[in-house]
Full PDB file with SEQRES, HELIX, SHEET, SSBOND, CRYST1, ORIGX, SCALE, CONECT and MASTER records, all heavy atoms in Angstrom:
SEQRES   1 A   41  SER ARG VAL ALA ALA MET PHE LEU GLN THR GLY PRO ASP          
SEQRES   2 A   41  SER PHE THR VAL VAL GLY SER GLY ASP ALA VAL VAL THR          
SEQRES   3 A   41  PHE THR ALA ASP THR PRO GLY PRO ALA ILE VAL GLY LEU          
SEQRES   4 A   41  ASP SER                                                      
SHEET    1 AA1 2 ALA A   4  GLY A  11  0                                        
SHEET    2 AA1 2 SER A  14  SER A  20 -1                                        
CRYST1    1.000    1.000    1.000  90.00  90.00  90.00 P 1           1          
ORIGX1      1.000000  0.000000  0.000000        0.00000                         
ORIGX2      0.000000  1.000000  0.000000        0.00000                         
ORIGX3      0.000000  0.000000  1.000000        0.00000                         
SCALE1      1.000000  0.000000  0.000000        0.00000                         
SCALE2      0.000000  1.000000  0.000000        0.00000                         
SCALE3      0.000000  0.000000  1.000000        0.00000                         
ATOM      1  N   SER A   1       1.437   0.472  20.869  1.00  0.00           N  
ATOM      2  CA  SER A   1       2.445   1.119  20.030  1.00  0.00           C  
ATOM      3  C   SER A   1       1.777   2.017  18.988  1.00  0.00           C  
ATOM      4  O   SER A   1       0.672   1.745  18.514  1.00  0.00           O  
ATOM      5  CB  SER A   1       3.326   0.080  19.344  1.00  0.00           C  
ATOM      6  OG  SER A   1       2.566  -0.700  18.440  1.00  0.00           O  
ATOM      7  N   ARG A   2       2.454   3.060  18.652  1.00  0.00           N  
ATOM      8  CA  ARG A   2       1.997   3.999  17.620  1.00  0.00           C  
ATOM      9  C   ARG A   2       2.738   3.659  16.337  1.00  0.00           C  
ATOM     10  O   ARG A   2       3.979   3.637  16.304  1.00  0.00           O  
ATOM     11  CB  ARG A   2       2.295   5.429  18.050  1.00  0.00           C  
ATOM     12  CG  ARG A   2       1.780   6.515  17.116  1.00  0.00           C  
ATOM     13  CD  ARG A   2       2.035   7.872  17.749  1.00  0.00           C  
ATOM     14  NE  ARG A   2       1.376   7.947  19.047  1.00  0.00           N  
ATOM     15  CZ  ARG A   2       0.319   8.706  19.318  1.00  0.00           C  
ATOM     16  NH1 ARG A   2      -0.194   9.449  18.365  1.00  0.00           N  
ATOM     17  NH2 ARG A   2      -0.207   8.728  20.522  1.00  0.00           N  
ATOM     18  N   VAL A   3       2.009   3.364  15.285  1.00  0.00           N  
ATOM     19  CA  VAL A   3       2.632   3.017  14.006  1.00  0.00           C  
ATOM     20  C   VAL A   3       2.054   3.913  12.924  1.00  0.00           C  
ATOM     21  O   VAL A   3       0.913   4.394  13.025  1.00  0.00           O  
ATOM     22  CB  VAL A   3       2.407   1.535  13.637  1.00  0.00           C  
ATOM     23  CG1 VAL A   3       3.031   0.630  14.689  1.00  0.00           C  
ATOM     24  CG2 VAL A   3       0.935   1.217  13.475  1.00  0.00           C  
ATOM     25  N   ALA A   4       2.847   4.158  11.905  1.00  0.00           N  
ATOM     26  CA  ALA A   4       2.402   5.012  10.800  1.00  0.00           C  
ATOM     27  C   ALA A   4       3.089   4.581   9.522  1.00  0.00           C  
ATOM     28  O   ALA A   4       4.226   4.074   9.542  1.00  0.00           O  
ATOM     29  CB  ALA A   4       2.708   6.484  11.084  1.00  0.00           C  
ATOM     30  N   ALA A   5       2.402   4.781   8.424  1.00  0.00           N  
ATOM     31  CA  ALA A   5       2.975   4.528   7.098  1.00  0.00           C  
ATOM     32  C   ALA A   5       2.557   5.673   6.185  1.00  0.00           C  
ATOM     33  O   ALA A   5       1.362   5.942   6.016  1.00  0.00           O  
ATOM     34  CB  ALA A   5       2.497   3.197   6.541  1.00  0.00           C  
ATOM     35  N   MET A   6       3.543   6.369   5.639  1.00  0.00           N  
ATOM     36  CA  MET A   6       3.283   7.466   4.710  1.00  0.00           C  
ATOM     37  C   MET A   6       3.460   6.968   3.285  1.00  0.00           C  
ATOM     38  O   MET A   6       4.479   6.333   2.957  1.00  0.00           O  
ATOM     39  CB  MET A   6       4.232   8.637   4.969  1.00  0.00           C  
ATOM     40  CG  MET A   6       3.998   9.828   4.047  1.00  0.00           C  
ATOM     41  SD  MET A   6       4.964  11.299   4.498  1.00  0.00           S  
ATOM     42  CE  MET A   6       6.632  10.736   4.096  1.00  0.00           C  
ATOM     43  N   PHE A   7       2.487   7.250   2.425  1.00  0.00           N  
ATOM     44  CA  PHE A   7       2.487   6.799   1.033  1.00  0.00           C  
ATOM     45  C   PHE A   7       2.593   7.998   0.111  1.00  0.00           C  
ATOM     46  O   PHE A   7       1.755   8.908   0.157  1.00  0.00           O  
ATOM     47  CB  PHE A   7       1.202   6.024   0.726  1.00  0.00           C  
ATOM     48  CG  PHE A   7       1.038   4.758   1.513  1.00  0.00           C  
ATOM     49  CD1 PHE A   7       0.537   4.793   2.809  1.00  0.00           C  
ATOM     50  CD2 PHE A   7       1.396   3.534   0.974  1.00  0.00           C  
ATOM     51  CE1 PHE A   7       0.391   3.641   3.552  1.00  0.00           C  
ATOM     52  CE2 PHE A   7       1.256   2.365   1.709  1.00  0.00           C  
ATOM     53  CZ  PHE A   7       0.757   2.408   2.997  1.00  0.00           C  
ATOM     54  N   LEU A   8       3.608   7.999  -0.732  1.00  0.00           N  
ATOM     55  CA  LEU A   8       3.770   9.003  -1.772  1.00  0.00           C  
ATOM     56  C   LEU A   8       3.473   8.314  -3.097  1.00  0.00           C  
ATOM     57  O   LEU A   8       4.223   7.427  -3.527  1.00  0.00           O  
ATOM     58  CB  LEU A   8       5.188   9.575  -1.758  1.00  0.00           C  
ATOM     59  CG  LEU A   8       5.697  10.083  -0.407  1.00  0.00           C  
ATOM     60  CD1 LEU A   8       7.120  10.600  -0.537  1.00  0.00           C  
ATOM     61  CD2 LEU A   8       4.782  11.152   0.170  1.00  0.00           C  
ATOM     62  N   GLN A   9       2.380   8.683  -3.736  1.00  0.00           N  
ATOM     63  CA  GLN A   9       1.960   7.982  -4.949  1.00  0.00           C  
ATOM     64  C   GLN A   9       2.755   8.501  -6.135  1.00  0.00           C  
ATOM     65  O   GLN A   9       2.665   9.666  -6.516  1.00  0.00           O  
ATOM     66  CB  GLN A   9       0.467   8.158  -5.189  1.00  0.00           C  
ATOM     67  CG  GLN A   9      -0.047   7.295  -6.334  1.00  0.00           C  
ATOM     68  CD  GLN A   9      -1.561   7.128  -6.310  1.00  0.00           C  
ATOM     69  OE1 GLN A   9      -2.249   7.707  -5.475  1.00  0.00           O  
ATOM     70  NE2 GLN A   9      -2.078   6.327  -7.228  1.00  0.00           N  
ATOM     71  N   THR A  10       3.536   7.622  -6.736  1.00  0.00           N  
ATOM     72  CA  THR A  10       4.407   7.998  -7.846  1.00  0.00           C  
ATOM     73  C   THR A  10       3.879   7.529  -9.195  1.00  0.00           C  
ATOM     74  O   THR A  10       4.466   7.840 -10.230  1.00  0.00           O  
ATOM     75  CB  THR A  10       5.814   7.431  -7.620  1.00  0.00           C  
ATOM     76  OG1 THR A  10       5.735   6.013  -7.413  1.00  0.00           O  
ATOM     77  CG2 THR A  10       6.454   8.068  -6.383  1.00  0.00           C  
ATOM     78  N   GLY A  11       2.785   6.769  -9.198  1.00  0.00           N  
ATOM     79  CA  GLY A  11       2.152   6.289 -10.411  1.00  0.00           C  
ATOM     80  C   GLY A  11       0.827   5.657 -10.045  1.00  0.00           C  
ATOM     81  O   GLY A  11       0.507   5.500  -8.861  1.00  0.00           O  
ATOM     82  N   PRO A  12       0.021   5.250 -11.042  1.00  0.00           N  
ATOM     83  CA  PRO A  12      -1.275   4.652 -10.725  1.00  0.00           C  
ATOM     84  C   PRO A  12      -1.169   3.452  -9.785  1.00  0.00           C  
ATOM     85  O   PRO A  12      -2.055   3.237  -8.950  1.00  0.00           O  
ATOM     86  CB  PRO A  12      -1.819   4.244 -12.091  1.00  0.00           C  
ATOM     87  CG  PRO A  12      -1.115   5.136 -13.062  1.00  0.00           C  
ATOM     88  CD  PRO A  12       0.246   5.359 -12.498  1.00  0.00           C  
ATOM     89  N   ASP A  13      -0.085   2.688  -9.913  1.00  0.00           N  
ATOM     90  CA  ASP A  13       0.086   1.478  -9.110  1.00  0.00           C  
ATOM     91  C   ASP A  13       1.389   1.493  -8.313  1.00  0.00           C  
ATOM     92  O   ASP A  13       1.814   0.448  -7.812  1.00  0.00           O  
ATOM     93  CB  ASP A  13       0.067   0.241 -10.015  1.00  0.00           C  
ATOM     94  CG  ASP A  13      -1.139   0.203 -10.932  1.00  0.00           C  
ATOM     95  OD1 ASP A  13      -2.269   0.222 -10.405  1.00  0.00           O  
ATOM     96  OD2 ASP A  13      -0.964   0.189 -12.163  1.00  0.00           O  
ATOM     97  N   SER A  14       2.019   2.667  -8.183  1.00  0.00           N  
ATOM     98  CA  SER A  14       3.348   2.738  -7.583  1.00  0.00           C  
ATOM     99  C   SER A  14       3.353   3.720  -6.418  1.00  0.00           C  
ATOM    100  O   SER A  14       2.764   4.809  -6.503  1.00  0.00           O  
ATOM    101  CB  SER A  14       4.380   3.181  -8.621  1.00  0.00           C  
ATOM    102  OG  SER A  14       4.387   2.305  -9.731  1.00  0.00           O  
ATOM    103  N   PHE A  15       4.067   3.348  -5.335  1.00  0.00           N  
ATOM    104  CA  PHE A  15       4.118   4.166  -4.134  1.00  0.00           C  
ATOM    105  C   PHE A  15       5.500   4.082  -3.504  1.00  0.00           C  
ATOM    106  O   PHE A  15       6.124   3.008  -3.497  1.00  0.00           O  
ATOM    107  CB  PHE A  15       3.088   3.688  -3.102  1.00  0.00           C  
ATOM    108  CG  PHE A  15       1.683   3.631  -3.626  1.00  0.00           C  
ATOM    109  CD1 PHE A  15       1.198   2.483  -4.238  1.00  0.00           C  
ATOM    110  CD2 PHE A  15       0.857   4.732  -3.527  1.00  0.00           C  
ATOM    111  CE1 PHE A  15      -0.089   2.425  -4.735  1.00  0.00           C  
ATOM    112  CE2 PHE A  15      -0.439   4.692  -4.026  1.00  0.00           C  
ATOM    113  CZ  PHE A  15      -0.915   3.528  -4.621  1.00  0.00           C  
ATOM    114  N   THR A  16       5.961   5.216  -2.991  1.00  0.00           N  
ATOM    115  CA  THR A  16       7.101   5.219  -2.082  1.00  0.00           C  
ATOM    116  C   THR A  16       6.528   5.269  -0.676  1.00  0.00           C  
ATOM    117  O   THR A  16       5.726   6.150  -0.353  1.00  0.00           O  
ATOM    118  CB  THR A  16       8.017   6.422  -2.336  1.00  0.00           C  
ATOM    119  OG1 THR A  16       8.548   6.326  -3.663  1.00  0.00           O  
ATOM    120  CG2 THR A  16       9.166   6.440  -1.337  1.00  0.00           C  
ATOM    121  N   VAL A  17       6.929   4.314   0.171  1.00  0.00           N  
ATOM    122  CA  VAL A  17       6.322   4.144   1.488  1.00  0.00           C  
ATOM    123  C   VAL A  17       7.386   4.361   2.556  1.00  0.00           C  
ATOM    124  O   VAL A  17       8.464   3.760   2.501  1.00  0.00           O  
ATOM    125  CB  VAL A  17       5.702   2.740   1.643  1.00  0.00           C  
ATOM    126  CG1 VAL A  17       4.977   2.625   2.986  1.00  0.00           C  
ATOM    127  CG2 VAL A  17       4.742   2.440   0.490  1.00  0.00           C  
ATOM    128  N   VAL A  18       7.067   5.217   3.526  1.00  0.00           N  
ATOM    129  CA  VAL A  18       7.946   5.458   4.667  1.00  0.00           C  
ATOM    130  C   VAL A  18       7.211   5.000   5.910  1.00  0.00           C  
ATOM    131  O   VAL A  18       6.089   5.446   6.176  1.00  0.00           O  
ATOM    132  CB  VAL A  18       8.325   6.947   4.801  1.00  0.00           C  
ATOM    133  CG1 VAL A  18       9.377   7.139   5.893  1.00  0.00           C  
ATOM    134  CG2 VAL A  18       8.828   7.493   3.469  1.00  0.00           C  
ATOM    135  N   GLY A  19       7.835   4.106   6.695  1.00  0.00           N  
ATOM    136  CA  GLY A  19       7.159   3.526   7.847  1.00  0.00           C  
ATOM    137  C   GLY A  19       7.775   3.939   9.166  1.00  0.00           C  
ATOM    138  O   GLY A  19       8.945   4.302   9.256  1.00  0.00           O  
ATOM    139  N   SER A  20       6.949   3.874  10.204  1.00  0.00           N  
ATOM    140  CA  SER A  20       7.407   4.086  11.578  1.00  0.00           C  
ATOM    141  C   SER A  20       6.713   3.072  12.464  1.00  0.00           C  
ATOM    142  O   SER A  20       5.487   2.979  12.467  1.00  0.00           O  
ATOM    143  CB  SER A  20       7.080   5.511  12.045  1.00  0.00           C  
ATOM    144  OG  SER A  20       7.437   5.678  13.400  1.00  0.00           O  
ATOM    145  N   GLY A  21       7.494   2.308  13.207  1.00  0.00           N  
ATOM    146  CA  GLY A  21       6.925   1.265  14.047  1.00  0.00           C  
ATOM    147  C   GLY A  21       6.856  -0.067  13.324  1.00  0.00           C  
ATOM    148  O   GLY A  21       7.244  -0.192  12.153  1.00  0.00           O  
ATOM    149  N   ASP A  22       6.366  -1.081  14.020  1.00  0.00           N  
ATOM    150  CA  ASP A  22       6.263  -2.440  13.480  1.00  0.00           C  
ATOM    151  C   ASP A  22       4.842  -2.674  13.012  1.00  0.00           C  
ATOM    152  O   ASP A  22       3.889  -2.631  13.802  1.00  0.00           O  
ATOM    153  CB  ASP A  22       6.641  -3.466  14.548  1.00  0.00           C  
ATOM    154  CG  ASP A  22       8.087  -3.302  15.010  1.00  0.00           C  
ATOM    155  OD1 ASP A  22       8.991  -3.441  14.166  1.00  0.00           O  
ATOM    156  OD2 ASP A  22       8.300  -3.013  16.199  1.00  0.00           O  
ATOM    157  N   ALA A  23       4.672  -2.934  11.716  1.00  0.00           N  
ATOM    158  CA  ALA A  23       3.332  -3.066  11.155  1.00  0.00           C  
ATOM    159  C   ALA A  23       3.348  -3.962   9.935  1.00  0.00           C  
ATOM    160  O   ALA A  23       4.398  -4.188   9.305  1.00  0.00           O  
ATOM    161  CB  ALA A  23       2.770  -1.691  10.791  1.00  0.00           C  
ATOM    162  N   VAL A  24       2.169  -4.479   9.602  1.00  0.00           N  
ATOM    163  CA  VAL A  24       1.956  -5.230   8.380  1.00  0.00           C  
ATOM    164  C   VAL A  24       0.918  -4.490   7.550  1.00  0.00           C  
ATOM    165  O   VAL A  24      -0.157  -4.131   8.057  1.00  0.00           O  
ATOM    166  CB  VAL A  24       1.474  -6.664   8.663  1.00  0.00           C  
ATOM    167  CG1 VAL A  24       1.070  -7.363   7.367  1.00  0.00           C  
ATOM    168  CG2 VAL A  24       2.562  -7.458   9.362  1.00  0.00           C  
ATOM    169  N   VAL A  25       1.246  -4.248   6.284  1.00  0.00           N  
ATOM    170  CA  VAL A  25       0.375  -3.511   5.377  1.00  0.00           C  
ATOM    171  C   VAL A  25      -0.095  -4.435   4.268  1.00  0.00           C  
ATOM    172  O   VAL A  25       0.706  -5.160   3.668  1.00  0.00           O  
ATOM    173  CB  VAL A  25       1.104  -2.302   4.767  1.00  0.00           C  
ATOM    174  CG1 VAL A  25       0.186  -1.549   3.805  1.00  0.00           C  
ATOM    175  CG2 VAL A  25       1.614  -1.366   5.863  1.00  0.00           C  
ATOM    176  N   THR A  26      -1.399  -4.434   4.003  1.00  0.00           N  
ATOM    177  CA  THR A  26      -1.957  -5.172   2.868  1.00  0.00           C  
ATOM    178  C   THR A  26      -2.760  -4.212   2.008  1.00  0.00           C  
ATOM    179  O   THR A  26      -3.123  -3.110   2.434  1.00  0.00           O  
ATOM    180  CB  THR A  26      -2.862  -6.325   3.338  1.00  0.00           C  
ATOM    181  OG1 THR A  26      -3.919  -5.793   4.160  1.00  0.00           O  
ATOM    182  CG2 THR A  26      -2.072  -7.350   4.137  1.00  0.00           C  
ATOM    183  N   PHE A  27      -3.037  -4.645   0.782  1.00  0.00           N  
ATOM    184  CA  PHE A  27      -3.741  -3.805  -0.179  1.00  0.00           C  
ATOM    185  C   PHE A  27      -4.929  -4.565  -0.736  1.00  0.00           C  
ATOM    186  O   PHE A  27      -4.835  -5.747  -1.065  1.00  0.00           O  
ATOM    187  CB  PHE A  27      -2.797  -3.402  -1.319  1.00  0.00           C  
ATOM    188  CG  PHE A  27      -1.579  -2.643  -0.870  1.00  0.00           C  
ATOM    189  CD1 PHE A  27      -0.422  -3.327  -0.479  1.00  0.00           C  
ATOM    190  CD2 PHE A  27      -1.576  -1.257  -0.828  1.00  0.00           C  
ATOM    191  CE1 PHE A  27       0.705  -2.633  -0.072  1.00  0.00           C  
ATOM    192  CE2 PHE A  27      -0.451  -0.558  -0.414  1.00  0.00           C  
ATOM    193  CZ  PHE A  27       0.687  -1.252  -0.036  1.00  0.00           C  
ATOM    194  N   THR A  28      -6.059  -3.877  -0.837  1.00  0.00           N  
ATOM    195  CA  THR A  28      -7.260  -4.441  -1.442  1.00  0.00           C  
ATOM    196  C   THR A  28      -7.826  -3.415  -2.418  1.00  0.00           C  
ATOM    197  O   THR A  28      -7.343  -2.280  -2.505  1.00  0.00           O  
ATOM    198  CB  THR A  28      -8.316  -4.796  -0.377  1.00  0.00           C  
ATOM    199  OG1 THR A  28      -8.596  -3.628   0.412  1.00  0.00           O  
ATOM    200  CG2 THR A  28      -7.819  -5.912   0.538  1.00  0.00           C  
ATOM    201  N   ALA A  29      -8.873  -3.803  -3.149  1.00  0.00           N  
ATOM    202  CA  ALA A  29      -9.489  -2.885  -4.111  1.00  0.00           C  
ATOM    203  C   ALA A  29     -10.966  -3.199  -4.228  1.00  0.00           C  
ATOM    204  O   ALA A  29     -11.376  -4.359  -4.184  1.00  0.00           O  
ATOM    205  CB  ALA A  29      -8.810  -3.012  -5.471  1.00  0.00           C  
ATOM    206  N   ASP A  30     -11.769  -2.159  -4.369  1.00  0.00           N  
ATOM    207  CA  ASP A  30     -13.200  -2.318  -4.628  1.00  0.00           C  
ATOM    208  C   ASP A  30     -13.624  -1.491  -5.832  1.00  0.00           C  
ATOM    209  O   ASP A  30     -14.792  -1.174  -6.011  1.00  0.00           O  
ATOM    210  CB  ASP A  30     -14.023  -1.925  -3.398  1.00  0.00           C  
ATOM    211  CG  ASP A  30     -13.788  -0.482  -2.957  1.00  0.00           C  
ATOM    212  OD1 ASP A  30     -13.039   0.241  -3.655  1.00  0.00           O  
ATOM    213  OD2 ASP A  30     -14.360  -0.073  -1.930  1.00  0.00           O  
ATOM    214  N   THR A  31     -12.658  -1.146  -6.678  1.00  0.00           N  
ATOM    215  CA  THR A  31     -12.922  -0.394  -7.896  1.00  0.00           C  
ATOM    216  C   THR A  31     -12.976  -1.358  -9.077  1.00  0.00           C  
ATOM    217  O   THR A  31     -12.540  -2.517  -8.981  1.00  0.00           O  
ATOM    218  CB  THR A  31     -11.824   0.652  -8.114  1.00  0.00           C  
ATOM    219  OG1 THR A  31     -10.545   0.000  -8.101  1.00  0.00           O  
ATOM    220  CG2 THR A  31     -11.858   1.700  -7.010  1.00  0.00           C  
ATOM    221  N   PRO A  32     -13.525  -0.920 -10.204  1.00  0.00           N  
ATOM    222  CA  PRO A  32     -13.627  -1.817 -11.365  1.00  0.00           C  
ATOM    223  C   PRO A  32     -12.280  -2.417 -11.750  1.00  0.00           C  
ATOM    224  O   PRO A  32     -11.255  -1.734 -11.737  1.00  0.00           O  
ATOM    225  CB  PRO A  32     -14.168  -0.900 -12.462  1.00  0.00           C  
ATOM    226  CG  PRO A  32     -14.928   0.158 -11.723  1.00  0.00           C  
ATOM    227  CD  PRO A  32     -14.140   0.391 -10.467  1.00  0.00           C  
ATOM    228  N   GLY A  33     -12.283  -3.694 -12.092  1.00  0.00           N  
ATOM    229  CA  GLY A  33     -11.071  -4.397 -12.469  1.00  0.00           C  
ATOM    230  C   GLY A  33     -10.955  -5.705 -11.727  1.00  0.00           C  
ATOM    231  O   GLY A  33     -11.827  -6.054 -10.911  1.00  0.00           O  
ATOM    232  N   PRO A  34      -9.896  -6.461 -11.991  1.00  0.00           N  
ATOM    233  CA  PRO A  34      -9.694  -7.716 -11.259  1.00  0.00           C  
ATOM    234  C   PRO A  34      -9.758  -7.492  -9.757  1.00  0.00           C  
ATOM    235  O   PRO A  34      -9.301  -6.463  -9.241  1.00  0.00           O  
ATOM    236  CB  PRO A  34      -8.306  -8.161 -11.723  1.00  0.00           C  
ATOM    237  CG  PRO A  34      -8.141  -7.532 -13.071  1.00  0.00           C  
ATOM    238  CD  PRO A  34      -8.837  -6.217 -12.987  1.00  0.00           C  
ATOM    239  N   ALA A  35     -10.295  -8.471  -9.031  1.00  0.00           N  
ATOM    240  CA  ALA A  35     -10.635  -8.265  -7.625  1.00  0.00           C  
ATOM    241  C   ALA A  35      -9.455  -8.350  -6.679  1.00  0.00           C  
ATOM    242  O   ALA A  35      -9.487  -7.768  -5.590  1.00  0.00           O  
ATOM    243  CB  ALA A  35     -11.694  -9.287  -7.210  1.00  0.00           C  
ATOM    244  N   ILE A  36      -8.404  -9.083  -7.045  1.00  0.00           N  
ATOM    245  CA  ILE A  36      -7.317  -9.358  -6.099  1.00  0.00           C  
ATOM    246  C   ILE A  36      -6.141  -8.434  -6.392  1.00  0.00           C  
ATOM    247  O   ILE A  36      -5.753  -8.236  -7.554  1.00  0.00           O  
ATOM    248  CB  ILE A  36      -6.870 -10.832  -6.193  1.00  0.00           C  
ATOM    249  CG1 ILE A  36      -8.070 -11.753  -5.977  1.00  0.00           C  
ATOM    250  CG2 ILE A  36      -5.784 -11.128  -5.161  1.00  0.00           C  
ATOM    251  CD1 ILE A  36      -7.765 -13.223  -6.220  1.00  0.00           C  
ATOM    252  N   VAL A  37      -5.549  -7.890  -5.327  1.00  0.00           N  
ATOM    253  CA  VAL A  37      -4.382  -7.022  -5.448  1.00  0.00           C  
ATOM    254  C   VAL A  37      -3.135  -7.809  -5.068  1.00  0.00           C  
ATOM    255  O   VAL A  37      -3.079  -8.423  -3.990  1.00  0.00           O  
ATOM    256  CB  VAL A  37      -4.504  -5.781  -4.551  1.00  0.00           C  
ATOM    257  CG1 VAL A  37      -3.248  -4.922  -4.657  1.00  0.00           C  
ATOM    258  CG2 VAL A  37      -5.738  -4.972  -4.915  1.00  0.00           C  
ATOM    259  N   GLY A  38      -2.165  -7.787  -5.959  1.00  0.00           N  
ATOM    260  CA  GLY A  38      -0.898  -8.439  -5.682  1.00  0.00           C  
ATOM    261  C   GLY A  38       0.236  -7.429  -5.608  1.00  0.00           C  
ATOM    262  O   GLY A  38       0.116  -6.290  -6.071  1.00  0.00           O  
ATOM    263  N   LEU A  39       1.323  -7.857  -4.982  1.00  0.00           N  
ATOM    264  CA  LEU A  39       2.520  -7.032  -4.904  1.00  0.00           C  
ATOM    265  C   LEU A  39       3.461  -7.435  -6.034  1.00  0.00           C  
ATOM    266  O   LEU A  39       4.056  -8.512  -6.010  1.00  0.00           O  
ATOM    267  CB  LEU A  39       3.203  -7.212  -3.546  1.00  0.00           C  
ATOM    268  CG  LEU A  39       2.511  -6.494  -2.380  1.00  0.00           C  
ATOM    269  CD1 LEU A  39       2.941  -7.088  -1.053  1.00  0.00           C  
ATOM    270  CD2 LEU A  39       2.836  -5.014  -2.421  1.00  0.00           C  
ATOM    271  N   ASP A  40       3.567  -6.577  -7.053  1.00  0.00           N  
ATOM    272  CA  ASP A  40       4.476  -6.839  -8.161  1.00  0.00           C  
ATOM    273  C   ASP A  40       5.912  -6.867  -7.649  1.00  0.00           C  
ATOM    274  O   ASP A  40       6.682  -7.789  -7.944  1.00  0.00           O  
ATOM    275  CB  ASP A  40       4.283  -5.763  -9.218  1.00  0.00           C  
ATOM    276  CG  ASP A  40       5.108  -5.999 -10.481  1.00  0.00           C  
ATOM    277  OD1 ASP A  40       6.092  -6.757 -10.407  1.00  0.00           O  
ATOM    278  OD2 ASP A  40       4.780  -5.411 -11.518  1.00  0.00           O  
ATOM    279  N   SER A  41       6.259  -5.845  -6.837  1.00  0.00           N  
ATOM    280  CA  SER A  41       7.625  -5.794  -6.306  1.00  0.00           C  
ATOM    281  C   SER A  41       7.689  -4.862  -5.108  1.00  0.00           C  
ATOM    282  O   SER A  41       6.900  -3.920  -4.995  1.00  0.00           O  
ATOM    283  CB  SER A  41       8.615  -5.321  -7.374  1.00  0.00           C  
ATOM    284  OG  SER A  41       8.287  -4.020  -7.823  1.00  0.00           O  
TER     285      SER A  41                                                      
MASTER        0    0    0    0    2    0    0    6  284    1    0    4          
END                                                                             
């Protein structure tokens, strides 16, 4: 299957996401700051 997710960044930590297909998306970080990324909402 072909899947895609388009991200429009609306703030430093905020995104509008448009998806196509069945997929699971996770977020990680390797930049300075706390190591774990959580989903606020």
